[in-house]
Amino acid sequence: MATDLYGAVVARDMLTGHVYEGHTGDESSPLSNVSIDLYCSNNAGQLGSLLGETTTDPTGAYTIMLEQVCEYYNIIETDPTGYLSTGASSAGRVINDNRIELTYPVSLSEMVDNDFWDIPASPPGNWSQFSPTGWVTSQTVTCTVKVEDTGSGLDVSTAQYAYTTDTSWSAWQAASCTGTDGTTSPQTITASNVPFNHDSTASKSNRIKFRIANMSGTAAESPAFTVSIDTTPPTNPTLSADRDTGTWLSDPAITIDWSGAWDAASGVDHYCYQWSTSLAPSPMEASRPLQPPSRPPSLLRGAAPTFTSLQSIRRETGQHILYTWGPSTWTPAPLR
């Protein structure tokens, strides 16, 4: 109540309403402490200047006094952190889920039941398509992952990552994210040149995780992804033949054993071979993967020599072992 210039008691107009948790029409769960602002405008469609502000009480109710005459009153509800608007209801004009417009003179029916509804916003999710998926041969790695938010959309500027090589995680660091604020389609977060600085071992597991918020302020963290790093080449194998080297023989069928190659991290993947009928170091054939039993080309006329057993060489480092056969010597030479 108020008094006029002559001291008479007069009633002031006021606007009332509620904010509820749920979907439009569900009044079973009131939301307290939600910000409500009233704006005054003399032009349709324009928000105008701030006239009053309040918050909802424990019953979800609010009241705002009409302190002055305006052509248009705009009631604005601000979603609480972690909530997303689902609707609004009024005898006036509902502009959107967060805005109601009333036109002067405001009727009694328009002064009440100016209500809004919010629901908890689902966090970003659907983390997928992490890369890299296999072994890498650099200790500084660029990692990517897909994420989406189908509610309020992603706040792309909030993308971050953290990494570890043991049990202690680094501080969160800025990452990049494709798309624009509010996008609801899957986007890619990129952590560039992450300095793991360690090969993967039993005691050092290189891992990375990501996080990002949506436009409602709800953040989500991805699971931890493993980054498998192996920069150390496999060990050289040992070579043996079924005859002494340095001796000319009439039988061209040579049996060779190649064994003992191993790799401590990613393991052995495959092997390659090169043959040459020349004493020159360049091979007759390029290296190529094969699976035993195999028959390399003949070194002399007649039957082709064969390998009886071979151990594999890890593919990721690209290391191969070349043995050249000549009339006087076997020479092992590691190639990288």
Protein backbone atom coordinates (compact mmCIF):
# COMPACT_ATOMS: atom_id res chain seq x y z
CA MET A 1 0.00 0.00 0.00
CA ALA A 2 1.00 3.65 -0.50
CA THR A 3 -0.41 7.16 0.02
CA ASP A 4 -1.20 9.78 -2.59
CA LEU A 5 -0.39 13.52 -2.44
CA TYR A 6 -3.31 14.09 -0.09
CA GLY A 7 -2.40 11.28 2.31
CA ALA A 8 -5.05 8.90 1.08
CA VAL A 9 -4.15 5.24 1.06
CA VAL A 10 -4.04 3.79 -2.45
CA ALA A 11 -3.15 0.36 -3.80
CA ARG A 12 -0.19 -0.12 -6.07
CA ASP A 13 -0.37 -2.57 -8.91
CA MET A 14 1.93 -5.54 -8.75
CA LEU A 15 2.78 -8.52 -10.89
CA THR A 16 2.95 -12.03 -9.46
CA GLY A 17 3.85 -15.48 -10.65
CA HIS A 18 5.81 -18.64 -9.90
CA VAL A 19 8.79 -20.62 -11.15
CA TYR A 20 8.51 -24.41 -11.12
CA GLU A 21 10.84 -27.31 -11.81
CA GLY A 22 9.43 -29.49 -14.55
CA HIS A 23 7.59 -29.10 -17.81
CA THR A 24 4.92 -26.51 -18.58
CA GLY A 25 1.84 -27.00 -16.42
CA ASP A 26 3.52 -29.08 -13.70
CA GLU A 27 3.21 -27.07 -10.45
CA SER A 28 4.34 -29.82 -8.08
CA SER A 29 7.95 -28.65 -7.57
CA PRO A 30 8.52 -24.92 -6.93
CA LEU A 31 11.97 -23.44 -7.52
CA SER A 32 13.29 -20.91 -5.01
CA ASN A 33 15.89 -18.18 -5.38
CA VAL A 34 15.30 -17.73 -9.13
CA SER A 35 16.00 -14.22 -10.46
CA ILE A 36 13.05 -12.29 -11.96
CA ASP A 37 13.54 -8.87 -13.60
CA LEU A 38 10.92 -6.37 -14.81
CA TYR A 39 11.70 -4.05 -17.72
CA CYS A 40 9.83 -0.95 -18.88
CA SER A 41 9.57 -0.08 -22.58
CA ASN A 42 7.55 2.30 -24.73
CA ASN A 43 8.19 0.32 -27.91
CA ALA A 44 6.80 -3.10 -28.76
CA GLY A 45 9.43 -5.83 -29.03
CA GLN A 46 12.07 -3.83 -27.15
CA LEU A 47 13.19 -4.88 -23.68
CA GLY A 48 13.56 -1.33 -22.37
CA SER A 49 15.11 -0.28 -19.05
CA LEU A 50 15.20 -2.21 -15.78
CA LEU A 51 12.26 -1.28 -13.56
CA GLY A 52 12.49 -3.82 -10.74
CA GLU A 53 14.02 -7.12 -9.70
CA THR A 54 13.34 -9.88 -7.21
CA THR A 55 13.82 -13.60 -6.54
CA THR A 56 11.37 -16.38 -5.90
CA ASP A 57 10.62 -17.43 -2.33
CA PRO A 58 10.62 -21.03 -0.97
CA THR A 59 7.21 -21.61 -2.58
CA GLY A 60 8.55 -20.51 -5.98
CA ALA A 61 6.45 -17.31 -5.86
CA TYR A 62 7.55 -13.79 -6.80
CA THR A 63 6.07 -10.30 -6.65
CA ILE A 64 7.21 -7.15 -8.49
CA MET A 65 5.61 -3.74 -7.98
CA LEU A 66 4.68 -1.58 -10.99
CA GLU A 67 6.47 1.60 -9.95
CA GLN A 68 5.63 3.58 -13.10
CA VAL A 69 3.43 3.53 -16.14
CA CYS A 70 4.96 1.90 -19.21
CA GLU A 71 3.53 1.01 -22.59
CA TYR A 72 5.05 -2.45 -22.30
CA TYR A 73 6.24 -4.48 -19.32
CA ASN A 74 8.69 -7.34 -19.90
CA ILE A 75 9.11 -10.02 -17.23
CA ILE A 76 12.44 -11.85 -17.61
CA GLU A 77 13.29 -15.09 -15.80
CA THR A 78 16.97 -16.06 -15.58
CA ASP A 79 17.56 -19.80 -15.53
CA PRO A 80 19.37 -20.98 -12.39
CA THR A 81 22.81 -22.48 -13.02
CA GLY A 82 22.41 -26.00 -14.32
CA TYR A 83 18.80 -25.50 -15.43
CA LEU A 84 17.15 -25.14 -18.82
CA SER A 85 13.82 -23.38 -19.49
CA THR A 86 10.97 -25.52 -20.78
CA GLY A 87 8.12 -23.01 -20.99
CA ALA A 88 6.18 -20.00 -19.70
CA SER A 89 2.51 -19.20 -19.18
CA SER A 90 0.60 -15.90 -18.88
CA ALA A 91 -2.64 -14.15 -19.82
CA GLY A 92 -0.31 -11.70 -21.52
CA ARG A 93 2.03 -12.44 -24.43
CA VAL A 94 4.65 -15.18 -24.03
CA ILE A 95 7.67 -14.08 -26.09
CA ASN A 96 9.77 -17.15 -25.27
CA ASP A 97 10.42 -19.59 -22.41
CA ASN A 98 12.12 -16.81 -20.39
CA ARG A 99 10.14 -13.71 -21.34
CA ILE A 100 6.55 -12.49 -20.90
CA GLU A 101 5.32 -9.16 -22.30
CA LEU A 102 2.35 -7.24 -20.85
CA THR A 103 0.74 -4.22 -22.52
CA TYR A 104 -0.60 -1.17 -20.62
CA PRO A 105 -3.18 -1.04 -19.18
CA VAL A 106 -2.48 -4.36 -17.54
CA SER A 107 -5.64 -6.31 -16.75
CA LEU A 108 -6.19 -8.06 -13.45
CA SER A 109 -5.83 -11.45 -15.13
CA GLU A 110 -2.47 -10.40 -16.54
CA MET A 111 -1.14 -9.34 -13.15
CA VAL A 112 -1.19 -12.88 -11.77
CA ASP A 113 0.04 -16.31 -12.81
CA ASN A 114 2.99 -15.14 -14.86
CA ASP A 115 4.73 -18.48 -14.51
CA PHE A 116 7.93 -20.12 -15.76
CA TRP A 117 9.21 -23.71 -15.83
CA ASP A 118 12.80 -25.04 -15.76
CA ILE A 119 14.36 -28.50 -15.72
CA PRO A 120 17.87 -29.60 -14.74
CA ALA A 121 20.06 -29.36 -17.83
CA SER A 122 21.67 -32.61 -18.95
CA PRO A 123 25.46 -32.27 -19.09
CA PRO A 124 27.39 -32.61 -22.34
CA GLY A 125 28.03 -36.22 -23.25
CA ASN A 126 28.28 -38.89 -25.93
CA TRP A 127 32.08 -38.80 -25.76
CA SER A 128 33.29 -40.76 -28.80
CA GLN A 129 35.82 -41.19 -31.61
CA PHE A 130 38.88 -40.56 -29.47
CA SER A 131 42.15 -40.33 -31.41
CA PRO A 132 44.85 -41.67 -31.53
CA THR A 133 43.63 -45.24 -31.08
CA GLY A 134 46.82 -47.20 -31.83
CA TRP A 135 50.46 -46.95 -30.89
CA VAL A 136 52.24 -43.68 -31.69
CA THR A 137 55.97 -43.07 -31.97
CA SER A 138 56.11 -39.53 -30.55
CA GLN A 139 56.00 -38.54 -26.89
CA THR A 140 54.23 -35.28 -27.82
CA VAL A 141 50.77 -36.19 -29.06
CA THR A 142 47.74 -34.31 -30.41
CA CYS A 143 44.52 -35.88 -29.11
CA THR A 144 40.92 -35.36 -30.24
CA VAL A 145 37.47 -36.48 -29.08
CA LYS A 146 33.83 -35.90 -30.11
CA VAL A 147 31.22 -34.51 -27.67
CA GLU A 148 27.72 -33.05 -27.90
CA ASP A 149 25.00 -31.32 -25.87
CA THR A 150 21.43 -31.61 -27.17
CA GLY A 151 19.92 -29.21 -24.62
CA SER A 152 21.26 -25.67 -24.36
CA GLY A 153 24.21 -26.52 -26.61
CA LEU A 154 27.94 -26.45 -26.00
CA ASP A 155 29.85 -23.47 -24.62
CA VAL A 156 32.81 -24.08 -26.92
CA SER A 157 35.12 -21.65 -25.11
CA THR A 158 35.09 -23.84 -21.97
CA ALA A 159 36.81 -26.86 -23.56
CA GLN A 160 39.78 -28.13 -21.50
CA TYR A 161 41.98 -31.17 -21.02
CA ALA A 162 44.21 -32.71 -18.36
CA TYR A 163 46.77 -35.52 -18.70
CA THR A 164 48.82 -37.89 -16.59
CA THR A 165 51.69 -40.34 -16.92
CA ASP A 166 51.11 -42.01 -13.54
CA THR A 167 48.46 -41.26 -10.91
CA SER A 168 48.75 -37.45 -10.63
CA TRP A 169 46.79 -35.38 -13.13
CA SER A 170 47.98 -32.08 -14.57
CA ALA A 171 46.03 -28.88 -14.09
CA TRP A 172 43.19 -28.29 -16.55
CA GLN A 173 44.47 -26.61 -19.71
CA ALA A 174 42.69 -24.84 -22.57
CA ALA A 175 41.66 -26.95 -25.55
CA SER A 176 39.99 -25.93 -28.80
CA CYS A 177 36.48 -26.95 -29.85
CA THR A 178 34.83 -26.73 -33.24
CA GLY A 179 31.43 -25.09 -33.71
CA THR A 180 29.95 -22.00 -32.08
CA ASP A 181 28.31 -21.38 -28.71
CA GLY A 182 24.95 -23.10 -28.48
CA THR A 183 25.65 -25.76 -31.09
CA THR A 184 23.77 -28.99 -30.37
CA SER A 185 25.48 -31.20 -32.97
CA PRO A 186 28.60 -33.27 -32.15
CA GLN A 187 31.80 -31.22 -32.08
CA THR A 188 35.51 -32.06 -31.86
CA ILE A 189 37.70 -31.04 -28.93
CA THR A 190 41.42 -30.93 -29.73
CA ALA A 191 44.32 -31.00 -27.27
CA SER A 192 47.38 -30.08 -29.31
CA ASN A 193 50.91 -31.32 -28.62
CA VAL A 194 50.27 -32.85 -25.21
CA PRO A 195 53.74 -33.31 -23.61
CA PHE A 196 53.51 -36.82 -22.14
CA ASN A 197 57.31 -37.15 -22.49
CA HIS A 198 57.19 -40.86 -21.61
CA ASP A 199 56.84 -44.14 -23.41
CA SER A 200 54.04 -46.34 -22.14
CA THR A 201 55.23 -48.87 -19.56
CA ALA A 202 53.70 -50.98 -16.84
CA SER A 203 54.32 -48.18 -14.34
CA LYS A 204 53.66 -45.21 -16.65
CA SER A 205 50.28 -45.19 -18.38
CA ASN A 206 49.80 -42.09 -20.52
CA ARG A 207 46.19 -40.91 -20.22
CA ILE A 208 44.13 -37.83 -21.09
CA LYS A 209 40.64 -36.57 -20.21
CA PHE A 210 38.51 -33.66 -21.41
CA ARG A 211 35.78 -31.44 -20.02
CA ILE A 212 33.38 -28.82 -21.39
CA ALA A 213 30.26 -26.95 -20.21
CA ASN A 214 26.96 -26.26 -21.94
CA MET A 215 25.26 -22.89 -22.26
CA SER A 216 23.34 -23.58 -19.04
CA GLY A 217 26.62 -23.74 -17.14
CA THR A 218 26.59 -27.49 -16.55
CA ALA A 219 30.03 -29.01 -17.09
CA ALA A 220 30.87 -32.61 -17.87
CA GLU A 221 34.10 -34.60 -17.83
CA SER A 222 35.01 -37.36 -20.25
CA PRO A 223 36.35 -40.75 -19.23
CA ALA A 224 40.13 -41.07 -19.24
CA PHE A 225 41.55 -42.22 -22.58
CA THR A 226 44.81 -44.15 -22.88
CA VAL A 227 47.51 -42.87 -25.25
CA SER A 228 49.90 -45.70 -26.19
CA ILE A 229 53.41 -44.39 -26.88
CA ASP A 230 56.44 -46.43 -27.98
CA THR A 231 59.46 -44.60 -29.36
CA THR A 232 62.01 -47.39 -28.74
CA PRO A 233 62.79 -49.74 -31.67
CA PRO A 234 62.68 -53.50 -31.09
CA THR A 235 65.86 -55.46 -30.38
CA ASN A 236 67.85 -56.93 -33.25
CA PRO A 237 67.31 -60.62 -33.93
CA THR A 238 70.03 -63.24 -34.20
CA LEU A 239 70.75 -65.04 -37.46
CA SER A 240 72.02 -68.52 -38.15
CA ALA A 241 72.39 -70.60 -41.31
CA ASP A 242 72.67 -74.33 -42.03
CA ARG A 243 76.24 -73.99 -43.35
CA ASP A 244 79.43 -72.13 -42.65
CA THR A 245 79.82 -68.74 -44.29
CA GLY A 246 82.74 -67.95 -46.54
CA THR A 247 82.50 -71.29 -48.36
CA TRP A 248 81.37 -71.91 -51.94
CA LEU A 249 78.86 -74.75 -52.21
CA SER A 250 77.02 -76.34 -55.12
CA ASP A 251 73.71 -76.62 -53.21
CA PRO A 252 71.82 -73.30 -53.49
CA ALA A 253 69.09 -74.25 -50.98
CA ILE A 254 70.01 -72.26 -47.90
CA THR A 255 68.12 -72.69 -44.61
CA ILE A 256 68.21 -69.63 -42.34
CA ASP A 257 66.98 -69.18 -38.76
CA TRP A 258 66.13 -65.64 -37.63
CA SER A 259 65.05 -65.33 -34.00
CA GLY A 260 65.27 -63.39 -30.75
CA ALA A 261 63.66 -60.10 -31.81
CA TRP A 262 61.45 -58.58 -29.12
CA ASP A 263 59.90 -55.27 -28.07
CA ALA A 264 59.19 -54.26 -24.48
CA ALA A 265 56.26 -51.87 -25.08
CA SER A 266 53.99 -52.39 -28.08
CA GLY A 267 55.36 -55.84 -28.88
CA VAL A 268 56.50 -57.39 -32.13
CA ASP A 269 54.22 -56.84 -35.11
CA HIS A 270 55.80 -58.25 -38.30
CA TYR A 271 59.06 -58.81 -40.13
CA CYS A 272 60.55 -57.96 -43.51
CA TYR A 273 63.33 -59.45 -45.58
CA GLN A 274 65.70 -58.39 -48.37
CA TRP A 275 67.74 -60.60 -50.66
CA SER A 276 70.57 -59.78 -53.00
CA THR A 277 72.76 -61.82 -55.34
CA SER A 278 75.33 -59.04 -55.37
CA LEU A 279 78.04 -58.10 -52.90
CA ALA A 280 76.87 -54.53 -53.27
CA PRO A 281 74.89 -53.25 -50.25
CA SER A 282 71.72 -52.39 -52.19
CA PRO A 283 69.18 -55.25 -52.08
CA MET A 284 67.62 -56.95 -55.06
CA GLU A 285 64.12 -56.55 -53.63
CA ALA A 286 62.41 -54.00 -51.42
CA SER A 287 61.41 -54.98 -47.90
CA ARG A 288 57.95 -56.42 -47.59
CA PRO A 289 55.94 -58.15 -44.86
CA LEU A 290 55.44 -61.90 -45.19
CA GLN A 291 54.23 -64.82 -43.15
CA PRO A 292 56.20 -68.08 -42.88
CA PRO A 293 56.64 -70.40 -44.61
CA SER A 294 57.94 -68.36 -47.51
CA ARG A 295 60.39 -68.82 -50.32
CA PRO A 296 62.60 -65.85 -51.21
CA PRO A 297 64.03 -65.66 -54.73
CA SER A 298 66.92 -67.97 -55.58
CA LEU A 299 70.38 -66.70 -54.85
CA LEU A 300 71.93 -69.10 -57.35
CA ARG A 301 70.59 -71.24 -60.13
CA GLY A 302 68.52 -74.18 -58.99
CA ALA A 303 66.33 -74.57 -55.91
CA ALA A 304 65.29 -71.43 -54.02
CA PRO A 305 66.60 -70.95 -50.46
CA THR A 306 64.00 -70.71 -47.72
CA PHE A 307 63.58 -69.42 -44.19
CA THR A 308 62.59 -72.12 -41.71
CA SER A 309 61.59 -69.66 -38.97
CA LEU A 310 61.51 -65.92 -38.56
CA GLN A 311 60.64 -63.57 -35.71
CA SER A 312 58.70 -60.38 -36.34
CA ILE A 313 59.84 -56.79 -36.21
CA ARG A 314 57.59 -54.12 -34.72
CA ARG A 315 55.91 -52.15 -37.48
CA GLU A 316 55.38 -48.85 -35.69
CA THR A 317 59.06 -47.91 -35.46
CA GLY A 318 59.78 -49.04 -39.01
CA GLN A 319 62.99 -50.86 -38.00
CA HIS A 320 64.12 -53.68 -40.27
CA ILE A 321 67.22 -55.90 -40.18
CA LEU A 322 69.12 -56.51 -43.41
CA TYR A 323 71.42 -59.49 -43.84
CA THR A 324 73.36 -59.68 -47.11
CA TRP A 325 74.70 -62.99 -48.38
CA GLY A 326 78.05 -63.14 -50.14
CA PRO A 327 80.71 -65.79 -50.87
CA SER A 328 82.67 -64.93 -47.75
CA THR A 329 80.48 -63.48 -44.95
CA TRP A 330 77.12 -62.92 -43.26
CA THR A 331 76.78 -59.24 -42.26
CA PRO A 332 73.99 -58.00 -39.96
CA ALA A 333 73.14 -54.34 -40.46
CA PRO A 334 70.22 -52.67 -38.62
CA LEU A 335 68.15 -50.35 -40.79
CA ARG A 336 65.84 -47.59 -39.49
